[in-house]
């Protein structure tokens, strides 16, 4: 199968998921979240690399929030593999989206002694953790579930944010696929500072310095 045909099939599947998201019951999400017995204790383990993959991928919604909080410089491009980028034959390197930077010890750059230092502006992934939706089903990431009764108003807010995140991520991914027109890309080691780093996301194709 040619790359263009493969990309077209992926796009059709994503568009179907976006259409199906309309029928997701918010009430059912609230009930499922309450039944898990999860209530965040604010321990911060999910913000540390030592506890697992703590990459926080950002939607354009998240990037706007970071701008509002004056934290736009705390983002970096995602990588194909650790220390590797997708490159083209013209010496450009390409990335699909952005993530929060991490400290040298692997912790989120915004993790402070008292917890998250940008709590009101934190990304949707952080707001909804450990919950997410995949193909219209509620899923739970690995987390040491804390027992307790989650208040109904909290569960409703969380369910709203989980559904909002799902729809925004689908929209961003769909728009990224629609804009992407590059030829074949290959894995290359981390680029030299003088290479052009091209970001592909829901806004289209742009240089990292233009963020």
Protein backbone atom coordinates (compact mmCIF):
# COMPACT_ATOMS: atom_id res chain seq x y z
CA UNK A 1 0.00 0.00 0.00
CA UNK A 2 1.34 3.44 -0.95
CA UNK A 3 1.99 5.97 1.79
CA UNK A 4 -0.68 8.33 0.43
CA UNK A 5 -3.32 5.58 0.49
CA UNK A 6 -2.28 4.53 3.99
CA UNK A 7 -2.55 8.13 5.20
CA UNK A 8 -6.00 8.40 3.61
CA UNK A 9 -7.22 5.29 5.46
CA UNK A 10 -5.95 6.65 8.78
CA UNK A 11 -7.68 9.98 8.12
CA UNK A 12 -11.00 8.25 7.35
CA UNK A 13 -10.75 6.27 10.59
CA UNK A 14 -10.03 9.42 12.60
CA UNK A 15 -12.94 11.25 11.00
CA UNK A 16 -15.25 8.34 11.89
CA UNK A 17 -14.06 8.48 15.50
CA UNK A 18 -14.72 12.23 15.57
CA UNK A 19 -18.24 11.64 14.26
CA UNK A 20 -18.85 8.84 16.77
CA UNK A 21 -17.71 11.09 19.63
CA UNK A 22 -21.02 12.95 19.35
CA UNK A 23 -22.84 9.91 20.73
CA UNK A 24 -20.60 9.46 23.79
CA UNK A 25 -22.76 9.76 26.92
CA UNK A 26 -21.39 12.25 29.44
CA UNK A 27 -23.57 10.64 32.11
CA UNK A 28 -22.03 7.22 31.42
CA UNK A 29 -18.53 8.72 31.64
CA UNK A 30 -19.36 10.22 35.04
CA UNK A 31 -20.64 6.86 36.31
CA UNK A 32 -17.56 5.00 34.99
CA UNK A 33 -15.16 7.50 36.57
CA UNK A 34 -16.88 7.27 39.95
CA UNK A 35 -16.86 3.45 39.80
CA UNK A 36 -13.07 3.36 39.45
CA UNK A 37 -12.75 4.69 42.98
CA UNK A 38 -9.96 6.99 41.81
CA UNK A 39 -9.32 10.28 43.55
CA UNK A 40 -6.08 12.15 42.88
CA UNK A 41 -3.96 12.65 45.98
CA UNK A 42 -1.65 15.16 44.32
CA UNK A 43 1.39 12.97 44.96
CA UNK A 44 3.12 14.14 41.76
CA UNK A 45 4.35 10.67 40.77
CA UNK A 46 2.89 11.08 37.27
CA UNK A 47 5.09 14.19 36.81
CA UNK A 48 8.30 12.19 37.32
CA UNK A 49 10.13 10.13 34.69
CA UNK A 50 11.11 7.64 37.40
CA UNK A 51 7.45 6.60 37.63
CA UNK A 52 7.07 5.94 33.89
CA UNK A 53 6.62 7.89 30.69
CA UNK A 54 5.76 11.43 31.77
CA UNK A 55 5.76 13.04 28.32
CA UNK A 56 2.99 15.64 28.16
CA UNK A 57 1.94 16.06 24.54
CA UNK A 58 0.29 19.39 23.84
CA UNK A 59 -2.76 20.30 21.81
CA UNK A 60 -3.13 23.76 20.32
CA UNK A 61 -5.62 24.42 23.15
CA UNK A 62 -2.82 23.69 25.66
CA UNK A 63 -0.32 25.88 23.81
CA UNK A 64 -2.73 28.82 23.97
CA UNK A 65 -3.12 28.30 27.73
CA UNK A 66 0.65 28.21 28.18
CA UNK A 67 0.91 31.47 26.25
CA UNK A 68 -1.68 33.06 28.55
CA UNK A 69 0.38 32.02 31.56
CA UNK A 70 3.65 33.29 30.03
CA UNK A 71 5.09 29.78 29.77
CA UNK A 72 5.45 29.34 26.01
CA UNK A 73 9.23 28.80 26.28
CA UNK A 74 8.69 25.63 28.32
CA UNK A 75 7.79 23.55 25.28
CA UNK A 76 9.91 21.42 22.97
CA UNK A 77 9.35 19.27 19.87
CA UNK A 78 8.41 15.64 20.22
CA UNK A 79 10.87 13.10 18.88
CA UNK A 80 10.39 9.91 16.85
CA UNK A 81 12.53 8.04 19.37
CA UNK A 82 14.66 9.32 22.24
CA UNK A 83 17.41 11.39 20.62
CA UNK A 84 16.11 10.73 17.10
CA UNK A 85 14.18 12.90 14.64
CA UNK A 86 12.47 12.37 11.31
CA UNK A 87 14.53 13.98 8.54
CA UNK A 88 14.19 14.63 4.82
CA UNK A 89 16.74 14.64 2.00
CA UNK A 90 17.12 18.43 2.19
CA UNK A 91 18.58 18.43 5.70
CA UNK A 92 15.38 19.48 7.46
CA UNK A 93 14.09 17.63 10.48
CA UNK A 94 10.39 17.21 11.18
CA UNK A 95 8.31 16.76 14.30
CA UNK A 96 4.62 16.16 14.82
CA UNK A 97 3.63 18.39 17.68
CA UNK A 98 5.12 19.69 20.90
CA UNK A 99 5.46 18.56 24.50
CA UNK A 100 6.39 20.08 27.87
CA UNK A 101 10.10 20.26 28.61
CA UNK A 102 11.56 18.13 31.38
CA UNK A 103 14.36 18.82 33.84
CA UNK A 104 17.67 16.96 33.63
CA UNK A 105 16.35 14.49 36.24
CA UNK A 106 13.34 13.75 34.04
CA UNK A 107 10.76 15.60 36.12
CA UNK A 108 8.28 17.94 34.46
CA UNK A 109 9.75 21.41 34.26
CA UNK A 110 6.73 22.75 36.17
CA UNK A 111 6.96 20.35 39.12
CA UNK A 112 7.87 22.31 42.24
CA UNK A 113 8.21 21.43 45.93
CA UNK A 114 4.50 22.06 46.48
CA UNK A 115 3.33 20.43 43.25
CA UNK A 116 2.40 21.87 39.87
CA UNK A 117 3.48 25.51 39.52
CA UNK A 118 1.11 26.22 36.59
CA UNK A 119 -1.93 24.39 37.93
CA UNK A 120 -4.58 26.76 36.45
CA UNK A 121 -2.88 26.53 33.03
CA UNK A 122 -1.90 22.86 33.07
CA UNK A 123 -2.50 20.86 29.86
CA UNK A 124 -5.58 18.71 29.30
CA UNK A 125 -3.53 15.52 29.62
CA UNK A 126 -2.58 16.57 33.17
CA UNK A 127 -6.14 17.65 34.01
CA UNK A 128 -7.60 14.29 33.02
CA UNK A 129 -4.88 11.88 34.14
CA UNK A 130 -5.16 8.91 34.53
CA UNK A 131 -8.29 8.90 32.35
CA UNK A 132 -8.48 9.15 28.58
CA UNK A 133 -10.76 8.01 25.77
CA UNK A 134 -9.62 5.71 22.96
CA UNK A 135 -12.03 4.81 20.16
CA UNK A 136 -14.98 6.09 22.21
CA UNK A 137 -14.10 4.00 25.30
CA UNK A 138 -12.91 5.29 28.66
CA UNK A 139 -9.43 3.99 29.51
CA UNK A 140 -7.20 4.37 32.57
CA UNK A 141 -3.44 4.85 32.46
CA UNK A 142 -1.17 3.16 34.97
CA UNK A 143 -1.48 4.92 38.30
CA UNK A 144 -1.53 3.91 41.94
CA UNK A 145 -5.27 4.32 42.36
CA UNK A 146 -6.16 6.25 45.48
CA UNK A 147 -9.30 5.02 47.24
CA UNK A 148 -12.02 7.45 48.20
CA UNK A 149 -15.34 8.85 47.13
CA UNK A 150 -15.09 11.34 44.30
CA UNK A 151 -17.70 14.10 44.70
CA UNK A 152 -20.29 14.11 41.92
CA UNK A 153 -19.48 17.69 40.85
CA UNK A 154 -15.79 16.73 40.54
CA UNK A 155 -16.61 13.63 38.50
CA UNK A 156 -18.78 15.71 36.15
CA UNK A 157 -16.02 18.25 35.62
CA UNK A 158 -13.48 15.50 35.04
CA UNK A 159 -15.78 13.70 32.57
CA UNK A 160 -16.27 16.96 30.67
CA UNK A 161 -12.51 17.50 30.44
CA UNK A 162 -11.85 13.88 29.38
CA UNK A 163 -14.39 14.20 26.55
CA UNK A 164 -13.10 17.66 25.60
CA UNK A 165 -9.55 16.30 25.43
CA UNK A 166 -10.64 13.39 23.21
CA UNK A 167 -12.42 15.67 20.76
CA UNK A 168 -9.59 18.24 20.66
CA UNK A 169 -6.92 15.55 20.15
CA UNK A 170 -8.94 14.00 17.33
CA UNK A 171 -9.43 17.39 15.70
CA UNK A 172 -5.75 18.25 16.00
CA UNK A 173 -4.67 14.90 14.56
CA UNK A 174 -7.15 15.14 11.67
CA UNK A 175 -5.99 18.63 10.77
CA UNK A 176 -2.33 17.56 10.99
CA UNK A 177 -2.94 14.71 8.54
CA UNK A 178 -4.83 17.03 6.19
CA UNK A 179 -2.00 19.59 6.14
CA UNK A 180 0.89 17.14 5.88
CA UNK A 181 2.25 17.03 2.31
CA UNK A 182 5.88 15.96 2.81
CA UNK A 183 7.60 13.18 0.92
CA UNK A 184 9.30 10.17 2.56
CA UNK A 185 11.03 10.84 5.89
CA UNK A 186 13.70 8.76 7.64
CA UNK A 187 15.14 8.52 11.15
CA UNK A 188 18.23 10.61 11.89
CA UNK A 189 20.21 11.45 15.01
CA UNK A 190 19.44 14.65 16.90
CA UNK A 191 19.94 17.56 14.48
CA UNK A 192 22.67 20.16 14.58
CA UNK A 193 21.53 23.58 15.81
CA UNK A 194 21.74 25.08 12.32
CA UNK A 195 19.21 22.63 10.83
CA UNK A 196 15.66 23.77 10.19
CA UNK A 197 13.26 22.14 12.62
CA UNK A 198 9.84 21.96 10.98
CA UNK A 199 6.76 21.35 13.10
CA UNK A 200 3.62 19.77 11.66
CA UNK A 201 0.43 20.22 13.65
CA UNK A 202 -3.21 21.30 13.28
CA UNK A 203 -2.13 24.75 12.09
CA UNK A 204 -0.05 23.36 9.26
CA UNK A 205 3.71 23.44 8.66
CA UNK A 206 5.91 25.97 10.44
CA UNK A 207 9.39 26.56 11.83
CA UNK A 208 9.88 26.05 15.56
CA UNK A 209 11.07 29.65 15.97
CA UNK A 210 7.67 30.87 14.70
CA UNK A 211 5.76 29.49 17.71
